[in-house]
Protein backbone atom coordinates (compact mmCIF):
# COMPACT_ATOMS: atom_id res chain seq x y z
CA LYS A 1 -1.43 -13.10 24.62
CA CYS A 2 1.23 -13.24 21.87
CA LEU A 3 3.94 -12.28 24.67
CA ARG A 4 2.72 -15.35 26.78
CA LEU A 5 2.82 -17.99 23.64
CA TYR A 6 6.37 -16.72 22.66
CA LEU A 7 7.67 -17.08 26.42
CA TRP A 8 5.84 -20.68 26.55
CA ALA A 9 7.30 -21.48 22.98
CA GLY A 10 10.72 -20.65 24.74
CA ALA A 11 10.19 -23.21 27.57
CA GLY A 12 13.32 -24.32 29.02
CA ARG A 13 14.84 -20.87 28.59
CA ASP A 14 14.93 -18.19 31.22
CA ALA A 15 11.66 -16.03 30.84
CA SER A 16 13.24 -13.07 31.12
CA SER A 17 15.42 -13.53 27.94
CA GLY A 18 12.28 -14.19 26.08
CA LEU A 19 11.12 -10.80 27.21
CA ASP A 20 14.70 -9.42 26.39
CA LEU A 21 14.09 -10.72 22.62
CA VAL A 22 10.66 -9.09 22.57
CA LYS A 23 11.99 -5.84 23.73
CA SER A 24 14.85 -5.81 21.31
CA ALA A 25 12.44 -6.79 18.50
CA PHE A 26 10.17 -4.03 19.34
CA LYS A 27 13.02 -1.36 19.55
CA ALA A 28 14.41 -2.73 16.31
CA GLY A 29 10.96 -2.16 14.67
CA CYS A 30 10.64 1.40 15.96
CA ALA A 31 14.16 1.99 14.73
CA ALA A 32 13.06 0.63 11.26
CA PHE A 33 10.22 2.91 11.14
CA ALA A 34 12.04 6.05 12.27
CA ALA A 35 14.29 5.18 9.38
CA GLY A 36 11.86 4.92 6.94
CA GLY A 37 10.71 8.64 7.80
CA TYR A 38 7.97 7.79 10.21
CA ALA A 39 7.82 10.41 13.13
CA PHE A 40 6.93 9.54 16.33
CA GLY A 41 4.50 11.60 18.45
CA ASP A 42 0.89 12.55 19.40
CA PRO A 43 -0.58 14.41 16.40
CA ASN A 44 -3.49 15.91 18.74
CA ASN A 45 -0.50 18.19 20.49
CA PHE A 46 -0.22 19.95 16.90
CA LEU A 47 -4.05 20.40 16.13
CA HIS A 48 -5.80 23.33 16.04
CA PRO A 49 -8.04 24.20 18.80
CA SER A 50 -11.81 23.64 18.16
CA GLY A 51 -13.70 26.43 16.50
CA HIS A 52 -10.67 27.31 14.58
CA PRO A 53 -11.63 28.10 10.71
CA HIS A 54 -9.30 25.09 9.51
CA TRP A 55 -11.51 22.90 11.20
CA ARG A 56 -13.97 23.48 8.45
CA GLN A 57 -11.55 23.84 5.51
CA PRO A 58 -7.93 22.46 6.46
CA GLU A 59 -4.95 23.84 4.64
CA PHE A 60 -2.84 20.77 4.53
CA LYS A 61 -0.21 22.01 2.23
CA THR A 62 0.88 25.18 4.05
CA CYS A 63 -0.43 24.67 7.70
CA PRO A 64 1.50 22.49 9.96
CA HIS A 65 -1.50 22.45 12.39
CA CYS A 66 -3.62 20.89 9.98
CA SER A 67 -0.88 18.13 8.74
CA PRO A 68 0.99 17.47 12.04
CA PRO A 69 4.73 16.78 11.58
CA VAL A 70 4.19 13.51 13.49
CA GLN A 71 2.12 10.30 12.89
CA GLY A 72 1.47 8.76 16.11
CA LEU A 73 2.55 6.72 19.15
CA ALA A 74 3.92 3.38 19.49
CA VAL A 75 2.43 1.22 22.44
CA ASN A 76 5.64 1.02 24.64
CA SER A 77 4.38 -0.83 27.74
CA LEU A 78 7.03 -3.12 27.55
CA LEU A 79 9.95 -0.86 27.73
């Protein structure tokens, strides 16, 4: 809905230029997050398999599988 509203608000301009602006803003936002230390990636790829002892008692300070080195993925269906 937001993208449609943005493109409607830019009536009179080429719709593709509005989409290009949204893509540029999205990329700039991702770059700002990365510059601030955010690490993109799926944390589930780093977690222990079910049944591992750390599921009951995680070791967040010493185990990279209990505290994954990534925070999440951006929704990038526009890119």
